[in-house]
Amino acid sequence: MRGGRRRPRVLDTFCCQGGAGMGYRLAGFDVVGVDIAPQSRYPFTFIQAEAVAFISEHGAEFDFIHASPPCQHDSECQRIRGNAHPDLIGPTRAALESTGRPWVIENVRGALPKLHGPVMLCGTMFGLETYRHRYFETGGFTLPEHAHPAHLVPQAKMGRPIPPGQFGQFVGNFSGVDHARRVMDVPWMNRDGIRECVPPAYTQWLGTHALASLTAEAVAA
């Protein structure tokens, strides 16, 4: 509570170790995370459950919903390896739309054909020393496009140590966990969490816009 007012609540689904959740917390939300796997490193209230079903059953109890369906189905690494993973973007969107709440779906470049009018965010937009493009489709509110600085810094090869003056990719079995923690401001995470996470800076920016939309809607009502 701030000044006697309840903080809005965000449901952070497919939450993993909480990169997205931390950004929403910094933006001003109370955060509840849901993941099908146990997440001992998640820094906020955590519920172990299947995310799509939880959205359908409980999403309307929240002010805003974030969903990061597993990206492995559409990631370049997994296509190279030939591994099979479920495609949950469509079922997730249907569940989100059923709640009547504003929402966002986050995913990787490979999922672009399945995302509707997404906004792309990059680490350089927030002064982070990594590119890590992520795409955000919204429902119930609109995000502005964010100015995208040119990629002028070389990027270290995947899985290799990061030379001075280069950006890391932080995917797969990358080296330099402590460095990645500092770059993305996720000091509580291990390698598994870092390689999948949304940097908190992305969702702090996004959450600020979501809160502005919620506030305007409440005033209009």
Foldseek 3Di string as FASTA:
>chain_A
DPPPDDFFEEEEECQALHQLVLLLVLLTHQYEYEHCDDHPNNPHHYDHDHRLVCLQVCVLVGQEYEEEPDALCQDPVNVVVVDDDDDCPVSNVVSNVNNPHKYKYKYDPSCVVVADPWAWDFLVLVPFLGGPIMTIHIDPFDDDHGDDDDDPFAEDPPQDDADPRHGYLLADPHPDQVVLCVRLVPVSDDSVDSNPHDRSVVNNVVSNRVVVSSVVVVVVD
